[in-house]
Amino acid sequence: MGLLGRHDGRRFVMREKLLSIGDDFWIEDDHGERAYKVDGKALRVRKTFILKDTDGQEVAHIQDRVLHVRGTMKIERGGEELATVKKLIIGIRDRFEIDLAGGGELKAKGNVLEHEYEIKRDGDVIATVSKKWVRVRETYGIEIAQGEDEALLLAVTVAIDELAR
C-alpha cells in the first residue's frame, strides 16, 4: 500500500505496541536501517517522548496535555510548538485533528487501532499508516510523501498511537 496506490514517498517501520514510558526503540526505514529513535522518558509527571535522529539530535518533543478534557498531545521542536494532536470523540472510529502552529491543520482518519489510516492536508494524503505492506509481526508501516516533514509526521504517529490507547 502506498500513497494513493503508488510508492512515491519514504517508508518507515514502527513497532505496533508502541511504548510504555521508559522504553526506547528505533524507527527503521524500509531497508531495515535505523532512521529515528523514540525515547520514552520515565519518571515524568506527563507522558513524554523524544524523537531523535541517528546522530542523537532531538527533532521532536512529544508531550501530553494533562489539563485537557479529551486526549491532547503537543509536539515541539527546539522549544517552539509545531503542532497539537487532538483525539476527536465522534462516531465509531477514532479521528484525530492536528493543529499546526504555523497555521493550517491535518486530519488523521481510518482504523487507528488496527494501524490502517491516512493523514491528510486539505484533502490530500500526505502520510499513510498500514500493516499491509509490512511482513514483520507487531509492526506497521508509515509512508510519508516526498517533501513532507518526516520528523513531524512520525511524531504525529507516535502521539496518535499513545492517544489511541
N, C-alpha and C. Protein backbone atom coordinates (compact mmCIF):
# COMPACT_ATOMS: atom_id res chain seq x y z
N MET A 1 0.85 -1.18 0.00
CA MET A 1 0.00 0.00 0.00
C MET A 1 0.89 1.23 0.00
N GLY A 2 0.64 2.12 -0.87
CA GLY A 2 1.40 3.35 -0.92
C GLY A 2 0.46 4.53 -0.94
N LEU A 3 1.01 5.68 -0.97
CA LEU A 3 0.19 6.88 -1.07
C LEU A 3 -0.57 6.83 -2.39
N LEU A 4 -1.87 6.86 -2.29
CA LEU A 4 -2.72 6.82 -3.47
C LEU A 4 -2.35 5.68 -4.42
N GLY A 5 -1.91 4.53 -3.84
CA GLY A 5 -1.63 3.35 -4.64
C GLY A 5 -0.27 3.33 -5.30
N ARG A 6 0.59 4.31 -5.03
CA ARG A 6 1.92 4.28 -5.62
C ARG A 6 2.95 4.56 -4.52
N HIS A 7 4.16 4.12 -4.75
CA HIS A 7 5.22 4.32 -3.76
C HIS A 7 6.07 5.51 -4.19
N ASP A 8 5.71 6.69 -3.71
CA ASP A 8 6.46 7.89 -4.09
C ASP A 8 6.97 8.65 -2.88
N GLY A 9 6.94 8.01 -1.74
CA GLY A 9 7.44 8.66 -0.53
C GLY A 9 8.43 7.75 0.17
N ARG A 10 8.85 8.17 1.33
CA ARG A 10 9.78 7.38 2.13
C ARG A 10 8.98 6.55 3.13
N ARG A 11 9.37 5.30 3.28
CA ARG A 11 8.67 4.39 4.18
C ARG A 11 9.48 4.13 5.44
N PHE A 12 8.74 3.94 6.55
CA PHE A 12 9.33 3.63 7.84
C PHE A 12 8.56 2.48 8.47
N VAL A 13 9.20 1.80 9.41
CA VAL A 13 8.57 0.69 10.12
C VAL A 13 8.64 1.00 11.62
N MET A 14 7.48 0.85 12.28
CA MET A 14 7.38 1.14 13.71
C MET A 14 6.75 -0.06 14.43
N ARG A 15 7.12 -0.27 15.67
CA ARG A 15 6.51 -1.33 16.47
C ARG A 15 5.05 -1.03 16.72
N GLU A 16 4.21 -2.10 16.70
CA GLU A 16 2.77 -1.94 16.88
C GLU A 16 2.41 -1.53 18.30
N LYS A 17 2.90 -2.22 19.27
CA LYS A 17 2.62 -1.89 20.67
C LYS A 17 3.65 -0.86 21.07
N LEU A 18 3.38 0.37 20.71
CA LEU A 18 4.40 1.40 20.81
C LEU A 18 5.19 1.27 22.08
N LEU A 19 5.08 2.12 22.98
CA LEU A 19 5.94 2.04 24.13
C LEU A 19 5.19 2.25 25.41
N SER A 20 5.81 1.72 26.43
CA SER A 20 5.40 2.17 27.75
C SER A 20 6.45 3.22 28.10
N ILE A 21 6.10 4.10 28.98
CA ILE A 21 7.02 5.17 29.34
C ILE A 21 8.31 4.52 29.85
N GLY A 22 9.44 5.03 29.39
CA GLY A 22 10.73 4.49 29.78
C GLY A 22 11.33 3.59 28.72
N ASP A 23 10.52 3.15 27.75
CA ASP A 23 11.02 2.33 26.66
C ASP A 23 11.64 3.22 25.58
N ASP A 24 12.67 2.69 24.95
CA ASP A 24 13.27 3.33 23.79
C ASP A 24 13.21 2.33 22.64
N PHE A 25 13.04 2.81 21.42
CA PHE A 25 13.11 1.93 20.27
C PHE A 25 13.44 2.74 19.04
N TRP A 26 13.88 2.04 18.01
CA TRP A 26 14.26 2.67 16.75
C TRP A 26 13.13 2.54 15.74
N ILE A 27 12.89 3.61 14.99
CA ILE A 27 12.05 3.57 13.80
C ILE A 27 13.02 3.32 12.65
N GLU A 28 12.76 2.29 11.88
CA GLU A 28 13.65 1.94 10.77
C GLU A 28 13.02 2.34 9.45
N ASP A 29 13.88 2.54 8.43
CA ASP A 29 13.34 2.77 7.10
C ASP A 29 12.99 1.41 6.49
N ASP A 30 12.46 1.40 5.29
CA ASP A 30 12.01 0.12 4.71
C ASP A 30 13.16 -0.75 4.22
N HIS A 31 14.40 -0.30 4.44
CA HIS A 31 15.57 -1.11 4.13
C HIS A 31 16.18 -1.70 5.39
N GLY A 32 15.51 -1.47 6.54
CA GLY A 32 15.99 -2.00 7.81
C GLY A 32 17.04 -1.15 8.49
N GLU A 33 17.29 0.05 7.97
CA GLU A 33 18.28 0.96 8.56
C GLU A 33 17.60 1.82 9.63
N ARG A 34 18.31 2.03 10.73
CA ARG A 34 17.79 2.92 11.76
C ARG A 34 17.67 4.34 11.22
N ALA A 35 16.51 4.96 11.46
CA ALA A 35 16.27 6.30 10.94
C ALA A 35 16.03 7.31 12.06
N TYR A 36 15.21 6.94 13.04
CA TYR A 36 14.88 7.81 14.17
C TYR A 36 14.75 6.96 15.42
N LYS A 37 15.10 7.54 16.56
CA LYS A 37 14.95 6.85 17.84
C LYS A 37 13.84 7.53 18.63
N VAL A 38 12.96 6.72 19.21
CA VAL A 38 11.92 7.24 20.11
C VAL A 38 12.37 6.92 21.53
N ASP A 39 12.52 7.96 22.32
CA ASP A 39 12.97 7.83 23.70
C ASP A 39 11.77 8.16 24.60
N GLY A 40 11.25 7.14 25.29
CA GLY A 40 10.14 7.34 26.22
C GLY A 40 10.70 7.74 27.57
N LYS A 41 10.44 8.96 27.99
CA LYS A 41 11.02 9.48 29.22
C LYS A 41 10.26 8.98 30.44
N ALA A 42 10.96 8.25 31.32
CA ALA A 42 10.39 7.74 32.56
C ALA A 42 10.45 8.82 33.64
N LEU A 43 9.71 8.58 34.69
CA LEU A 43 9.73 9.44 35.88
C LEU A 43 9.35 10.88 35.60
N ARG A 44 8.43 11.07 34.70
CA ARG A 44 7.90 12.40 34.42
C ARG A 44 6.43 12.41 34.79
N VAL A 45 5.91 13.56 35.18
CA VAL A 45 4.50 13.67 35.54
C VAL A 45 3.64 13.45 34.30
N ARG A 46 4.08 13.97 33.16
CA ARG A 46 3.32 13.83 31.91
C ARG A 46 4.01 12.81 31.01
N LYS A 47 3.22 12.18 30.15
CA LYS A 47 3.78 11.25 29.16
C LYS A 47 4.63 12.06 28.20
N THR A 48 5.88 11.65 28.05
CA THR A 48 6.82 12.40 27.22
C THR A 48 7.63 11.45 26.36
N PHE A 49 7.75 11.79 25.08
CA PHE A 49 8.57 11.04 24.14
C PHE A 49 9.46 12.03 23.40
N ILE A 50 10.71 11.63 23.18
CA ILE A 50 11.64 12.46 22.42
C ILE A 50 11.99 11.70 21.15
N LEU A 51 11.81 12.33 20.00
CA LEU A 51 12.18 11.74 18.72
C LEU A 51 13.55 12.32 18.35
N LYS A 52 14.53 11.40 18.12
CA LYS A 52 15.90 11.82 17.81
C LYS A 52 16.32 11.25 16.47
N ASP A 53 17.20 11.99 15.79
CA ASP A 53 17.75 11.47 14.54
C ASP A 53 18.88 10.48 14.86
N THR A 54 19.52 9.93 13.85
CA THR A 54 20.56 8.92 14.07
C THR A 54 21.81 9.49 14.75
N ASP A 55 21.96 10.80 14.74
CA ASP A 55 23.09 11.44 15.43
C ASP A 55 22.76 11.76 16.89
N GLY A 56 21.53 11.41 17.32
CA GLY A 56 21.13 11.68 18.70
C GLY A 56 20.57 13.06 18.93
N GLN A 57 20.36 13.82 17.85
CA GLN A 57 19.81 15.18 17.97
C GLN A 57 18.29 15.12 18.07
N GLU A 58 17.73 15.86 19.00
CA GLU A 58 16.27 15.90 19.16
C GLU A 58 15.65 16.59 17.95
N VAL A 59 14.67 15.93 17.33
CA VAL A 59 13.97 16.53 16.19
C VAL A 59 12.50 16.80 16.52
N ALA A 60 12.02 16.21 17.63
CA ALA A 60 10.65 16.49 18.08
C ALA A 60 10.51 16.07 19.54
N HIS A 61 9.75 16.85 20.27
CA HIS A 61 9.44 16.59 21.68
C HIS A 61 7.93 16.43 21.75
N ILE A 62 7.46 15.27 22.22
CA ILE A 62 6.03 14.94 22.22
C ILE A 62 5.59 14.79 23.66
N GLN A 63 4.57 15.56 24.07
CA GLN A 63 4.14 15.51 25.47
C GLN A 63 2.64 15.70 25.58
N ASP A 64 2.03 14.94 26.51
CA ASP A 64 0.58 15.06 26.67
C ASP A 64 0.23 16.35 27.39
N ARG A 65 -0.99 16.77 27.19
CA ARG A 65 -1.52 17.98 27.82
C ARG A 65 -2.56 17.52 28.83
N VAL A 66 -2.15 17.31 30.09
CA VAL A 66 -2.99 16.68 31.10
C VAL A 66 -4.20 17.50 31.52
N LEU A 67 -4.20 18.78 31.33
CA LEU A 67 -5.31 19.60 31.77
C LEU A 67 -6.47 19.65 30.78
N HIS A 68 -6.31 19.01 29.62
CA HIS A 68 -7.38 19.00 28.63
C HIS A 68 -8.35 17.87 28.91
N VAL A 69 -9.64 18.10 28.63
CA VAL A 69 -10.67 17.10 28.86
C VAL A 69 -10.45 15.89 27.96
N ARG A 70 -10.26 16.10 26.68
CA ARG A 70 -10.03 14.99 25.77
C ARG A 70 -8.53 14.84 25.54
N GLY A 71 -8.15 13.70 24.97
CA GLY A 71 -6.74 13.43 24.75
C GLY A 71 -6.10 14.45 23.83
N THR A 72 -5.02 15.04 24.29
CA THR A 72 -4.29 16.04 23.52
C THR A 72 -2.79 15.88 23.78
N MET A 73 -1.99 15.93 22.73
CA MET A 73 -0.54 15.91 22.87
C MET A 73 0.04 17.06 22.06
N LYS A 74 1.10 17.65 22.60
CA LYS A 74 1.76 18.77 21.96
C LYS A 74 3.09 18.29 21.39
N ILE A 75 3.43 18.76 20.20
CA ILE A 75 4.70 18.43 19.55
C ILE A 75 5.49 19.73 19.40
N GLU A 76 6.75 19.69 19.86
CA GLU A 76 7.62 20.86 19.78
C GLU A 76 8.93 20.47 19.10
N ARG A 77 9.60 21.46 18.56
CA ARG A 77 10.97 21.30 18.03
C ARG A 77 11.76 22.53 18.45
N GLY A 78 12.88 22.30 19.13
CA GLY A 78 13.72 23.41 19.56
C GLY A 78 13.01 24.39 20.46
N GLY A 79 12.08 23.90 21.29
CA GLY A 79 11.34 24.76 22.21
C GLY A 79 10.16 25.49 21.59
N GLU A 80 10.00 25.36 20.28
CA GLU A 80 8.88 26.00 19.58
C GLU A 80 7.78 24.98 19.28
N GLU A 81 6.54 25.34 19.53
CA GLU A 81 5.44 24.44 19.26
C GLU A 81 5.28 24.24 17.75
N LEU A 82 5.18 22.96 17.34
CA LEU A 82 4.95 22.61 15.93
C LEU A 82 3.49 22.30 15.68
N ALA A 83 2.91 21.49 16.60
CA ALA A 83 1.55 21.01 16.36
C ALA A 83 0.92 20.54 17.67
N THR A 84 -0.41 20.47 17.65
CA THR A 84 -1.17 19.89 18.75
C THR A 84 -2.06 18.81 18.14
N VAL A 85 -1.95 17.60 18.68
CA VAL A 85 -2.73 16.45 18.20
C VAL A 85 -3.88 16.24 19.16
N LYS A 86 -5.12 16.25 18.63
CA LYS A 86 -6.32 16.10 19.46
C LYS A 86 -7.14 14.91 18.98
N LYS A 87 -7.54 14.08 19.92
CA LYS A 87 -8.43 12.96 19.61
C LYS A 87 -9.86 13.48 19.62
N LEU A 88 -10.57 13.24 18.52
CA LEU A 88 -11.97 13.66 18.41
C LEU A 88 -12.87 12.50 18.82
N ILE A 89 -13.83 12.78 19.64
CA ILE A 89 -14.75 11.75 20.10
C ILE A 89 -16.02 11.84 19.27
N ILE A 90 -15.94 11.31 18.04
CA ILE A 90 -17.07 11.37 17.12
C ILE A 90 -17.17 10.03 16.40
N GLY A 91 -18.33 9.42 16.44
CA GLY A 91 -18.53 8.19 15.69
C GLY A 91 -17.83 6.98 16.27
N ILE A 92 -17.81 5.91 15.50
CA ILE A 92 -17.24 4.64 15.95
C ILE A 92 -15.73 4.64 15.83
N ARG A 93 -15.21 5.18 14.73
CA ARG A 93 -13.76 5.17 14.51
C ARG A 93 -13.12 6.40 15.11
N ASP A 94 -11.86 6.21 15.52
CA ASP A 94 -11.11 7.33 16.05
C ASP A 94 -10.74 8.28 14.91
N ARG A 95 -10.83 9.56 15.21
CA ARG A 95 -10.35 10.58 14.29
C ARG A 95 -9.51 11.55 15.08
N PHE A 96 -8.51 12.09 14.42
CA PHE A 96 -7.59 12.99 15.09
C PHE A 96 -7.44 14.24 14.25
N GLU A 97 -7.36 15.37 14.94
CA GLU A 97 -7.13 16.66 14.30
C GLU A 97 -5.76 17.14 14.76
N ILE A 98 -4.96 17.59 13.83
CA ILE A 98 -3.62 18.06 14.13
C ILE A 98 -3.56 19.54 13.74
N ASP A 99 -3.55 20.40 14.75
CA ASP A 99 -3.47 21.84 14.51
C ASP A 99 -2.00 22.22 14.40
N LEU A 100 -1.62 22.81 13.27
CA LEU A 100 -0.23 23.22 13.04
C LEU A 100 -0.02 24.62 13.60
N ALA A 101 1.08 24.81 14.30
CA ALA A 101 1.36 26.10 14.95
C ALA A 101 1.48 27.23 13.93
N GLY A 102 2.01 26.93 12.75
CA GLY A 102 2.17 27.95 11.72
C GLY A 102 0.89 28.22 10.95
N GLY A 103 -0.19 27.60 11.34
CA GLY A 103 -1.47 27.75 10.65
C GLY A 103 -1.79 26.51 9.86
N GLY A 104 -3.03 26.24 9.69
CA GLY A 104 -3.49 25.06 8.97
C GLY A 104 -3.68 23.88 9.90
N GLU A 105 -4.18 22.81 9.31
CA GLU A 105 -4.41 21.61 10.10
C GLU A 105 -4.29 20.37 9.24
N LEU A 106 -4.05 19.27 9.90
CA LEU A 106 -4.02 17.95 9.28
C LEU A 106 -5.13 17.13 9.93
N LYS A 107 -5.59 16.11 9.23
CA LYS A 107 -6.59 15.21 9.79
C LYS A 107 -6.11 13.78 9.60
N ALA A 108 -6.28 12.99 10.65
CA ALA A 108 -5.96 11.56 10.58
C ALA A 108 -7.27 10.81 10.74
N LYS A 109 -7.55 9.93 9.78
CA LYS A 109 -8.83 9.24 9.79
C LYS A 109 -8.63 7.82 9.27
N GLY A 110 -9.36 6.89 9.87
CA GLY A 110 -9.30 5.49 9.49
C GLY A 110 -9.38 4.63 10.73
N ASN A 111 -8.89 3.42 10.62
CA ASN A 111 -8.92 2.50 11.74
C ASN A 111 -7.59 2.59 12.48
N VAL A 112 -7.52 3.51 13.43
CA VAL A 112 -6.28 3.80 14.15
C VAL A 112 -5.83 2.60 14.97
N LEU A 113 -6.76 1.92 15.64
CA LEU A 113 -6.39 0.77 16.47
C LEU A 113 -5.78 -0.35 15.66
N GLU A 114 -6.17 -0.48 14.41
CA GLU A 114 -5.61 -1.51 13.52
C GLU A 114 -4.45 -0.97 12.69
N HIS A 115 -4.06 0.26 12.93
CA HIS A 115 -2.96 0.90 12.20
C HIS A 115 -3.21 0.91 10.69
N GLU A 116 -4.40 1.34 10.33
CA GLU A 116 -4.80 1.50 8.93
C GLU A 116 -5.49 2.86 8.81
N TYR A 117 -4.70 3.90 8.59
CA TYR A 117 -5.29 5.23 8.48
C TYR A 117 -4.41 6.14 7.62
N GLU A 118 -4.97 7.29 7.28
CA GLU A 118 -4.27 8.27 6.46
C GLU A 118 -4.22 9.60 7.19
N ILE A 119 -3.18 10.35 6.90
CA ILE A 119 -3.07 11.72 7.40
C ILE A 119 -3.17 12.62 6.17
N LYS A 120 -4.12 13.57 6.23
CA LYS A 120 -4.40 14.42 5.07
C LYS A 120 -4.24 15.89 5.42
N ARG A 121 -3.84 16.65 4.40
CA ARG A 121 -3.83 18.11 4.45
C ARG A 121 -4.70 18.58 3.30
N ASP A 122 -5.72 19.34 3.60
CA ASP A 122 -6.63 19.87 2.58
C ASP A 122 -7.15 18.77 1.65
N GLY A 123 -7.43 17.61 2.20
CA GLY A 123 -7.98 16.50 1.43
C GLY A 123 -6.94 15.65 0.71
N ASP A 124 -5.68 16.08 0.69
CA ASP A 124 -4.61 15.33 0.02
C ASP A 124 -3.89 14.45 1.03
N VAL A 125 -3.67 13.19 0.69
CA VAL A 125 -2.96 12.26 1.57
C VAL A 125 -1.48 12.61 1.58
N ILE A 126 -0.94 12.86 2.78
CA ILE A 126 0.49 13.16 2.91
C ILE A 126 1.22 12.05 3.67
N ALA A 127 0.47 11.16 4.33
CA ALA A 127 1.08 10.01 5.00
C ALA A 127 0.04 8.90 5.10
N THR A 128 0.51 7.68 4.94
CA THR A 128 -0.34 6.51 5.06
C THR A 128 0.27 5.58 6.09
N VAL A 129 -0.55 5.11 7.02
CA VAL A 129 -0.12 4.16 8.03
C VAL A 129 -0.84 2.85 7.74
N SER A 130 -0.06 1.76 7.63
CA SER A 130 -0.66 0.48 7.27
C SER A 130 0.21 -0.69 7.73
N LYS A 131 -0.48 -1.77 8.08
CA LYS A 131 0.21 -3.03 8.41
C LYS A 131 0.33 -3.90 7.17
N LYS A 132 -0.35 -3.56 6.09
CA LYS A 132 -0.47 -4.43 4.92
C LYS A 132 0.84 -4.70 4.21
N TRP A 133 1.74 -3.73 4.11
CA TRP A 133 2.98 -3.98 3.37
C TRP A 133 4.17 -4.33 4.26
N VAL A 134 3.91 -4.51 5.56
CA VAL A 134 4.96 -4.90 6.50
C VAL A 134 4.77 -6.36 6.86
N ARG A 135 5.80 -7.16 6.69
CA ARG A 135 5.71 -8.60 6.91
C ARG A 135 6.04 -9.02 8.34
N VAL A 136 6.68 -8.15 9.12
CA VAL A 136 7.08 -8.50 10.47
C VAL A 136 5.89 -8.31 11.42
N ARG A 137 5.62 -9.33 12.24
CA ARG A 137 4.52 -9.24 13.19
C ARG A 137 4.74 -8.11 14.17
N GLU A 138 3.65 -7.55 14.64
CA GLU A 138 3.63 -6.48 15.63
C GLU A 138 4.38 -5.23 15.18
N THR A 139 4.36 -4.98 13.88
CA THR A 139 4.91 -3.74 13.34
C THR A 139 3.92 -3.17 12.33
N TYR A 140 4.10 -1.92 11.99
CA TYR A 140 3.30 -1.32 10.93
C TYR A 140 4.18 -0.32 10.18
N GLY A 141 3.73 0.00 8.98
CA GLY A 141 4.49 0.89 8.13
C GLY A 141 3.89 2.28 8.09
N ILE A 142 4.75 3.24 7.82
CA ILE A 142 4.35 4.63 7.64
C ILE A 142 5.02 5.12 6.38
N GLU A 143 4.22 5.54 5.42
CA GLU A 143 4.79 6.12 4.20
C GLU A 143 4.49 7.61 4.19
N ILE A 144 5.52 8.40 4.00
CA ILE A 144 5.39 9.85 4.04
C ILE A 144 5.73 10.40 2.66
N ALA A 145 4.85 11.23 2.15
CA ALA A 145 5.03 11.81 0.81
C ALA A 145 6.31 12.64 0.75
N GLN A 146 6.91 12.65 -0.43
CA GLN A 146 8.12 13.44 -0.65
C GLN A 146 7.85 14.91 -0.33
N GLY A 147 8.85 15.53 0.27
CA GLY A 147 8.74 16.95 0.57
C GLY A 147 8.05 17.28 1.89
N GLU A 148 7.51 16.26 2.57
CA GLU A 148 6.83 16.49 3.85
C GLU A 148 7.84 16.39 4.99
N ASP A 149 7.52 16.96 6.11
CA ASP A 149 8.36 16.95 7.31
C ASP A 149 8.25 15.57 7.97
N GLU A 150 9.24 14.71 7.70
CA GLU A 150 9.22 13.34 8.22
C GLU A 150 9.15 13.30 9.74
N ALA A 151 9.99 14.08 10.39
CA ALA A 151 10.03 14.07 11.85
C ALA A 151 8.69 14.47 12.44
N LEU A 152 8.06 15.51 11.88
CA LEU A 152 6.76 15.94 12.38
C LEU A 152 5.73 14.83 12.20
N LEU A 153 5.67 14.22 11.02
CA LEU A 153 4.65 13.19 10.77
C LEU A 153 4.92 11.92 11.58
N LEU A 154 6.17 11.57 11.82
CA LEU A 154 6.47 10.44 12.70
C LEU A 154 6.08 10.78 14.13
N ALA A 155 6.32 12.02 14.57
CA ALA A 155 5.91 12.45 15.90
C ALA A 155 4.39 12.42 16.03
N VAL A 156 3.68 12.83 14.99
CA VAL A 156 2.22 12.76 14.99
C VAL A 156 1.77 11.31 15.14
N THR A 157 2.43 10.39 14.45
CA THR A 157 2.09 8.97 14.54
C THR A 157 2.32 8.45 15.96
N VAL A 158 3.42 8.85 16.59
CA VAL A 158 3.70 8.45 17.98
C VAL A 158 2.59 8.97 18.89
N ALA A 159 2.21 10.24 18.71
CA ALA A 159 1.15 10.85 19.53
C ALA A 159 -0.18 10.13 19.33
N ILE A 160 -0.53 9.84 18.09
CA ILE A 160 -1.80 9.14 17.80
C ILE A 160 -1.78 7.76 18.44
N ASP A 161 -0.65 7.06 18.33
CA ASP A 161 -0.53 5.73 18.93
C ASP A 161 -0.77 5.80 20.45
N GLU A 162 -0.21 6.81 21.08
CA GLU A 162 -0.37 6.95 22.53
C GLU A 162 -1.80 7.36 22.88
N LEU A 163 -2.39 8.28 22.13
CA LEU A 163 -3.75 8.74 22.43
C LEU A 163 -4.82 7.68 22.13
N ALA A 164 -4.52 6.76 21.24
CA ALA A 164 -5.49 5.73 20.86
C ALA A 164 -5.61 4.62 21.91
N ARG A 165 -4.71 4.58 22.85
CA ARG A 165 -4.75 3.53 23.89
C ARG A 165 -5.94 3.68 24.78
